């Protein structure tokens, strides 16, 4: 008969508890896994499976779970996981910002709805680009890269690490990088719509009898959608580059 002692059970819980806390913190924020359409039970099951897979290859300190040190370690592991997932989440923030600029330039600012993942109003163009980027993210094995980085984080930031702090310089650099990349992604559509509006302004001065409000809006939307369609094939390379940068920054955001 198999006898399980309380000390053995506590050891098993400790070995699973700390890695699971960090992994669930990351999955709560990282794209794809944090989507509201995925049930919480599925997220918990995914985190538990990943934990079981990586526990044999990492060192887990013998920290009492129900103690002040255990509470501090719990908060630390959860914060590390959230910080890592937040870096990858910012990749999609750049795409959402590009979609916002494109939608406002096309005059589709009124076409907005509530996005449960962003927890706010989102323009339809931005949501379309976000879903497309999510598909590109999966095609580039972004979800597997996230799992690999989580495993690597236990080597660079072990559970027993007592002193660490947020890398504010890396976060500030990442914020500026997101703004510039979002601007570059929306630049073809925004520039073409700027030229279109200038042409419509010249047409209004040259031929005042034209109803600019009647023809301007359909032309602006048509040009915007056409340029969006033409620029979609170029979305793969930026996402691939951002994914590589985010992979490095996920390990640099904490030190």
Protein backbone atom coordinates (compact mmCIF):
# COMPACT_ATOMS: atom_id res chain seq x y z
CA UNK A 1 0.00 0.00 0.00
CA UNK A 2 1.27 3.43 -0.95
CA UNK A 3 1.84 5.69 2.05
CA UNK A 4 2.10 9.44 1.51
CA UNK A 5 3.42 11.47 4.39
CA UNK A 6 2.49 15.08 5.02
CA UNK A 7 6.10 16.18 4.52
CA UNK A 8 6.23 14.53 1.08
CA UNK A 9 2.94 16.14 0.10
CA UNK A 10 4.17 19.55 1.21
CA UNK A 11 7.37 19.08 -0.79
CA UNK A 12 5.38 18.29 -3.93
CA UNK A 13 3.15 21.31 -3.41
CA UNK A 14 6.15 23.62 -2.96
CA UNK A 15 7.86 22.29 -6.08
CA UNK A 16 4.76 23.03 -8.16
CA UNK A 17 3.44 26.13 -6.39
CA UNK A 18 6.18 28.69 -7.08
CA UNK A 19 6.71 27.90 -10.80
CA UNK A 20 2.94 27.70 -11.31
CA UNK A 21 2.48 31.17 -9.78
CA UNK A 22 4.96 32.76 -12.19
CA UNK A 23 3.54 30.92 -15.20
CA UNK A 24 -0.07 31.80 -14.40
CA UNK A 25 0.94 35.45 -13.93
CA UNK A 26 2.48 35.46 -17.39
CA UNK A 27 -0.46 33.64 -19.00
CA UNK A 28 -2.86 36.18 -17.46
CA UNK A 29 -1.36 38.98 -19.57
CA UNK A 30 0.43 37.45 -22.56
CA UNK A 31 -1.44 37.50 -25.91
CA UNK A 32 -3.50 34.50 -27.01
CA UNK A 33 -3.51 32.84 -23.58
CA UNK A 34 -5.09 35.89 -21.91
CA UNK A 35 -7.96 36.17 -24.39
CA UNK A 36 -11.36 36.29 -22.61
CA UNK A 37 -12.76 33.68 -25.00
CA UNK A 38 -10.49 31.04 -23.42
CA UNK A 39 -12.12 29.58 -20.27
CA UNK A 40 -10.25 30.01 -17.01
CA UNK A 41 -10.15 26.25 -16.51
CA UNK A 42 -8.29 25.87 -19.81
CA UNK A 43 -5.81 28.56 -18.79
CA UNK A 44 -5.24 26.86 -15.44
CA UNK A 45 -4.80 23.49 -17.15
CA UNK A 46 -2.28 24.93 -19.62
CA UNK A 47 -0.32 26.53 -16.78
CA UNK A 48 -0.34 23.28 -14.81
CA UNK A 49 0.88 21.25 -17.81
CA UNK A 50 3.70 23.73 -18.50
CA UNK A 51 4.67 23.63 -14.82
CA UNK A 52 4.81 19.83 -14.79
CA UNK A 53 7.01 19.93 -17.89
CA UNK A 54 9.59 22.38 -16.53
CA UNK A 55 9.73 21.44 -12.83
CA UNK A 56 12.27 18.61 -13.33
CA UNK A 57 14.73 21.03 -14.96
CA UNK A 58 14.65 23.85 -12.39
CA UNK A 59 15.66 24.24 -8.76
CA UNK A 60 12.85 25.09 -6.35
CA UNK A 61 13.87 26.38 -2.89
CA UNK A 62 12.33 24.84 0.20
CA UNK A 63 10.21 27.82 1.25
CA UNK A 64 7.31 27.35 3.64
CA UNK A 65 4.14 28.21 1.72
CA UNK A 66 2.18 29.47 4.74
CA UNK A 67 4.74 31.97 6.03
CA UNK A 68 5.74 35.61 5.51
CA UNK A 69 8.62 34.53 3.33
CA UNK A 70 6.22 32.39 1.32
CA UNK A 71 3.84 35.34 0.89
CA UNK A 72 6.65 37.59 -0.34
CA UNK A 73 7.87 34.89 -2.71
CA UNK A 74 4.32 34.44 -4.00
CA UNK A 75 4.00 38.15 -4.80
CA UNK A 76 7.46 38.19 -6.38
CA UNK A 77 6.77 35.25 -8.69
CA UNK A 78 3.40 36.67 -9.73
CA UNK A 79 4.92 40.09 -10.45
CA UNK A 80 7.72 38.54 -12.50
CA UNK A 81 5.19 36.60 -14.58
CA UNK A 82 2.98 39.64 -15.16
CA UNK A 83 5.98 41.79 -16.13
CA UNK A 84 7.12 39.24 -18.70
CA UNK A 85 3.65 38.89 -20.19
CA UNK A 86 3.20 42.66 -20.25
CA UNK A 87 6.22 43.03 -22.54
CA UNK A 88 4.72 40.64 -25.08
CA UNK A 89 1.32 42.33 -24.70
CA UNK A 90 2.85 45.65 -25.72
CA UNK A 91 3.63 44.15 -29.13
CA UNK A 92 -0.10 44.11 -29.81
CA UNK A 93 -0.47 47.59 -28.36
CA UNK A 94 1.62 48.92 -31.25
CA UNK A 95 -0.75 47.26 -33.71
CA UNK A 96 -3.80 48.64 -31.89
CA UNK A 97 -2.30 52.13 -32.00
CA UNK A 98 -1.64 51.75 -35.73
CA UNK A 99 -5.23 50.64 -36.27
CA UNK A 100 -6.49 53.62 -34.25
CA UNK A 101 -4.49 56.05 -36.42
CA UNK A 102 -5.69 54.38 -39.61
CA UNK A 103 -9.33 54.30 -38.51
CA UNK A 104 -9.34 57.95 -37.45
CA UNK A 105 -7.70 59.00 -40.73
CA UNK A 106 -10.34 57.06 -42.68
CA UNK A 107 -13.14 58.75 -40.74
CA UNK A 108 -14.16 55.54 -38.99
CA UNK A 109 -13.74 56.85 -35.48
CA UNK A 110 -17.44 56.26 -34.88
CA UNK A 111 -17.08 52.54 -35.78
CA UNK A 112 -15.94 51.48 -32.33
CA UNK A 113 -17.06 48.80 -29.91
CA UNK A 114 -16.09 47.37 -26.55
CA UNK A 115 -13.07 45.08 -26.64
CA UNK A 116 -13.08 42.70 -23.63
CA UNK A 117 -9.34 42.07 -23.92
CA UNK A 118 -8.35 45.73 -24.08
CA UNK A 119 -11.02 46.59 -21.48
CA UNK A 120 -12.13 49.63 -23.47
CA UNK A 121 -13.45 51.00 -26.74
CA UNK A 122 -11.60 49.83 -29.85
CA UNK A 123 -11.93 50.97 -33.46
CA UNK A 124 -12.98 48.23 -35.87
CA UNK A 125 -9.85 48.67 -37.99
CA UNK A 126 -7.66 48.25 -34.93
CA UNK A 127 -9.51 45.09 -33.90
CA UNK A 128 -9.09 43.69 -37.42
CA UNK A 129 -5.34 44.32 -37.37
CA UNK A 130 -5.08 42.86 -33.86
CA UNK A 131 -6.77 39.62 -34.88
CA UNK A 132 -4.60 39.42 -38.00
CA UNK A 133 -1.48 40.01 -35.91
CA UNK A 134 -2.59 37.26 -33.54
CA UNK A 135 -2.76 34.83 -36.47
CA UNK A 136 0.71 35.92 -37.61
CA UNK A 137 1.90 35.55 -34.01
CA UNK A 138 0.73 31.93 -33.96
CA UNK A 139 2.13 31.17 -37.43
CA UNK A 140 5.56 32.37 -36.24
CA UNK A 141 5.32 30.04 -33.20
CA UNK A 142 4.99 33.00 -30.87
CA UNK A 143 3.13 30.91 -28.30
CA UNK A 144 6.01 28.42 -28.22
CA UNK A 145 8.50 31.26 -27.87
CA UNK A 146 6.57 32.52 -24.83
CA UNK A 147 6.80 29.08 -23.21
CA UNK A 148 10.53 28.88 -24.00
CA UNK A 149 11.16 32.31 -22.48
CA UNK A 150 9.22 31.35 -19.35
CA UNK A 151 11.49 28.32 -18.96
CA UNK A 152 14.58 30.46 -19.55
CA UNK A 153 13.40 32.97 -16.95
CA UNK A 154 13.91 30.40 -14.19
CA UNK A 155 17.61 30.37 -15.12
CA UNK A 156 18.12 34.14 -15.32
CA UNK A 157 15.72 34.93 -12.45
CA UNK A 158 15.57 31.86 -10.19
CA UNK A 159 12.88 31.49 -7.58
CA UNK A 160 15.41 31.85 -4.77
CA UNK A 161 16.52 35.27 -6.07
CA UNK A 162 16.00 37.75 -3.25
CA UNK A 163 17.04 41.09 -4.78
CA UNK A 164 15.63 42.25 -8.10
CA UNK A 165 14.08 45.41 -9.48
CA UNK A 166 12.22 46.69 -12.50
CA UNK A 167 14.44 47.76 -15.37
CA UNK A 168 12.87 51.19 -15.91
CA UNK A 169 15.24 52.05 -18.75
CA UNK A 170 14.19 48.96 -20.71
CA UNK A 171 10.51 49.79 -20.13
CA UNK A 172 10.98 53.40 -21.30
CA UNK A 173 12.88 52.23 -24.38
CA UNK A 174 10.13 49.73 -25.12
CA UNK A 175 7.45 52.43 -24.86
CA UNK A 176 9.22 54.65 -27.39
CA UNK A 177 9.80 51.65 -29.63
CA UNK A 178 6.09 50.81 -29.61
CA UNK A 179 5.08 54.35 -30.58
CA UNK A 180 7.56 54.50 -33.46
CA UNK A 181 6.65 51.04 -34.77
CA UNK A 182 2.93 51.77 -34.59
CA UNK A 183 3.49 55.02 -36.48
CA UNK A 184 5.56 53.27 -39.15
CA UNK A 185 2.92 50.57 -39.54
CA UNK A 186 0.14 53.10 -40.12
CA UNK A 187 2.26 55.50 -42.20
CA UNK A 188 1.28 54.17 -45.69
CA UNK A 189 -2.44 54.52 -44.98
CA UNK A 190 -2.15 57.84 -43.13
CA UNK A 191 0.09 59.36 -45.82
CA UNK A 192 -2.17 58.23 -48.67
CA UNK A 193 -5.24 59.64 -46.89
CA UNK A 194 -3.41 62.92 -46.30
CA UNK A 195 -2.73 63.19 -50.03
CA UNK A 196 -6.36 62.27 -50.74
CA UNK A 197 -7.67 64.99 -48.43
CA UNK A 198 -5.32 67.53 -50.01
CA UNK A 199 -6.62 66.55 -53.46
CA UNK A 200 -10.22 66.89 -52.27
CA UNK A 201 -9.41 70.33 -50.86
CA UNK A 202 -7.94 71.45 -54.17
CA UNK A 203 -10.99 70.04 -55.98
CA UNK A 204 -13.29 72.01 -53.70
CA UNK A 205 -11.49 75.25 -54.53
CA UNK A 206 -11.36 74.50 -58.26
CA UNK A 207 -14.97 73.30 -58.58
CA UNK A 208 -17.15 74.62 -55.73
CA UNK A 209 -20.25 73.07 -57.31
CA UNK A 210 -19.10 69.60 -56.25
CA UNK A 211 -20.67 68.27 -53.07
CA UNK A 212 -17.45 67.48 -51.23
CA UNK A 213 -19.33 65.93 -48.30
CA UNK A 214 -21.12 63.57 -50.66
CA UNK A 215 -18.05 62.25 -52.46
CA UNK A 216 -15.28 62.88 -49.93
CA UNK A 217 -16.31 60.28 -47.37
CA UNK A 218 -16.68 57.33 -49.82
CA UNK A 219 -13.39 58.23 -51.51
CA UNK A 220 -11.55 58.46 -48.19
CA UNK A 221 -12.86 55.09 -47.00
CA UNK A 222 -12.11 53.42 -50.35
CA UNK A 223 -8.54 54.71 -50.44
CA UNK A 224 -8.02 53.73 -46.80
CA UNK A 225 -9.23 50.16 -47.29
CA UNK A 226 -7.23 49.81 -50.51
CA UNK A 227 -4.00 50.94 -48.86
CA UNK A 228 -4.73 48.71 -45.86
CA UNK A 229 -5.16 45.73 -48.18
CA UNK A 230 -1.93 46.53 -50.03
CA UNK A 231 0.05 46.94 -46.80
CA UNK A 232 -1.12 43.70 -45.15
CA UNK A 233 1.60 41.47 -46.73
CA UNK A 234 4.23 43.72 -45.14
CA UNK A 235 2.86 43.00 -41.65
CA UNK A 236 4.72 39.70 -41.25
CA UNK A 237 8.27 41.10 -41.14
CA UNK A 238 7.57 43.77 -38.47
CA UNK A 239 5.75 41.26 -36.26
CA UNK A 240 8.63 38.80 -36.60
CA UNK A 241 11.11 41.54 -35.66
CA UNK A 242 8.98 42.69 -32.72
CA UNK A 243 8.70 39.09 -31.55
CA UNK A 244 12.48 38.74 -31.45
CA UNK A 245 12.85 42.05 -29.59
CA UNK A 246 10.09 41.14 -27.13
CA UNK A 247 11.76 37.79 -26.47
CA UNK A 248 14.90 39.59 -25.33
CA UNK A 249 13.08 42.31 -23.39
CA UNK A 250 10.99 39.76 -21.47
CA UNK A 251 14.20 38.72 -19.73
CA UNK A 252 15.57 42.27 -19.41
CA UNK A 253 12.51 43.95 -17.88
CA UNK A 254 13.52 42.51 -14.49
CA UNK A 255 17.06 42.36 -13.20
